[in-house]
Amino acid sequence: MHLTTRPTHTHRIEIADVLRGFAVMGITLIHFIERFSLYSFPEETSNLLIFTDRIIWDSLFFAFSGKAYCIFALLFGFSFLFRIIRKKRKGKIFGVGLPGG
């Protein structure tokens, strides 16, 4: 038996893992920007540069911030649903042994 053998069948949904990775990356990047004050810029005198900075800044937050949290929450529910389904197939009640379950 080789030590490098892999299981032939996994129960992972790869696209969900990829989307979850992108969502975590987006949440982390937004957190770094907000936490470490990376949005402090030198004073600009040109109205064009001020406008351009504002458009780029708002576009990035629109594209990543809300969507990253939504995708992560959706995939959490997706994973939770599959855990419930897997337990039900085994004939077990999900949450037995947990407080309130």
Protein backbone atom coordinates (compact mmCIF):
# COMPACT_ATOMS: atom_id res chain seq x y z
CA MET A 1 0.00 0.00 0.00
CA HIS A 2 1.39 3.37 -1.00
CA LEU A 3 1.28 6.30 1.36
CA THR A 4 0.21 8.62 -1.45
CA THR A 5 -3.08 6.89 -2.23
CA ARG A 6 -6.08 9.16 -2.25
CA PRO A 7 -9.71 8.31 -1.71
CA THR A 8 -11.44 7.67 -5.02
CA HIS A 9 -14.65 9.44 -4.06
CA THR A 10 -14.96 12.57 -2.00
CA HIS A 11 -18.16 14.26 -0.92
CA ARG A 12 -16.85 17.79 -1.50
CA ILE A 13 -18.46 20.20 -3.92
CA GLU A 14 -15.44 21.93 -5.37
CA ILE A 15 -17.21 25.00 -6.74
CA ALA A 16 -18.57 25.73 -3.26
CA ASP A 17 -15.04 25.52 -1.86
CA VAL A 18 -13.74 27.88 -4.55
CA LEU A 19 -16.52 30.40 -3.96
CA ARG A 20 -16.00 30.16 -0.21
CA GLY A 21 -12.30 30.88 -0.71
CA PHE A 22 -13.04 33.98 -2.78
CA ALA A 23 -15.57 35.17 -0.21
CA VAL A 24 -13.09 34.74 2.65
CA MET A 25 -10.44 36.54 0.59
CA GLY A 26 -12.82 39.45 -0.04
CA ILE A 27 -13.82 39.67 3.62
CA THR A 28 -10.16 39.59 4.66
CA LEU A 29 -9.13 42.31 2.21
CA ILE A 30 -11.98 44.59 3.29
CA HIS A 31 -11.09 43.94 6.92
CA PHE A 32 -7.43 44.85 6.30
CA ILE A 33 -8.39 48.08 4.59
CA GLU A 34 -10.79 49.09 7.36
CA ARG A 35 -8.73 47.87 10.32
CA PHE A 36 -5.32 49.16 9.33
CA SER A 37 -6.57 52.50 7.97
CA LEU A 38 -5.30 51.86 4.46
CA TYR A 39 -7.81 54.34 3.10
CA SER A 40 -6.00 57.46 4.33
CA PHE A 41 -4.62 59.30 1.32
CA PRO A 42 -2.48 62.40 0.96
CA GLU A 43 -4.37 65.63 0.36
CA GLU A 44 -5.22 66.08 -3.30
CA THR A 45 -5.66 69.45 -4.92
CA SER A 46 -7.02 68.30 -8.26
CA ASN A 47 -10.78 67.80 -8.43
CA LEU A 48 -10.28 65.15 -11.11
CA LEU A 49 -8.04 63.05 -8.82
CA ILE A 50 -10.44 63.43 -5.90
CA PHE A 51 -13.34 62.33 -8.11
CA THR A 52 -11.35 59.41 -9.55
CA ASP A 53 -10.24 58.21 -6.10
CA ARG A 54 -13.82 58.34 -4.84
CA ILE A 55 -15.19 56.41 -7.83
CA ILE A 56 -12.54 53.67 -7.57
CA TRP A 57 -12.93 53.42 -3.78
CA ASP A 58 -16.73 53.19 -3.89
CA SER A 59 -16.63 50.70 -6.78
CA LEU A 60 -14.26 48.35 -4.95
CA PHE A 61 -16.35 48.41 -1.78
CA PHE A 62 -19.51 47.84 -3.82
CA ALA A 63 -17.93 44.94 -5.69
CA PHE A 64 -16.36 43.16 -2.73
CA SER A 65 -17.74 44.15 0.65
CA GLY A 66 -21.43 43.30 0.55
CA LYS A 67 -21.09 40.46 -1.90
CA ALA A 68 -18.31 38.71 0.00
CA TYR A 69 -20.40 38.61 3.17
CA CYS A 70 -23.50 37.46 1.26
CA ILE A 71 -21.66 34.69 -0.60
CA PHE A 72 -20.03 33.48 2.62
CA ALA A 73 -23.37 33.43 4.47
CA LEU A 74 -25.08 31.64 1.57
CA LEU A 75 -22.38 28.98 1.43
CA PHE A 76 -22.54 28.51 5.19
CA GLY A 77 -26.25 27.73 4.87
CA PHE A 78 -25.54 25.49 1.89
CA SER A 79 -22.98 23.47 3.89
CA PHE A 80 -25.27 23.33 6.91
CA LEU A 81 -28.12 21.98 4.77
CA PHE A 82 -25.91 19.18 3.46
CA ARG A 83 -24.90 18.24 7.00
CA ILE A 84 -28.56 17.96 7.97
CA ILE A 85 -29.32 15.85 4.87
CA ARG A 86 -26.36 13.54 5.53
CA LYS A 87 -27.46 12.95 9.14
CA LYS A 88 -31.04 12.29 8.02
CA ARG A 89 -29.85 9.66 5.51
CA LYS A 90 -28.01 7.89 8.32
CA GLY A 91 -31.23 7.90 10.35
CA LYS A 92 -29.93 10.28 12.97
CA ILE A 93 -31.46 13.49 14.22
CA PHE A 94 -29.30 16.51 13.61
CA GLY A 95 -28.55 18.42 16.78
CA VAL A 96 -29.09 15.59 19.27
CA GLY A 97 -26.64 16.07 22.09
CA LEU A 98 -26.43 19.80 21.52
CA PRO A 99 -27.93 22.25 23.99
CA GLY A 100 -31.59 22.66 23.06
CA GLY A 101 -31.44 19.77 20.55
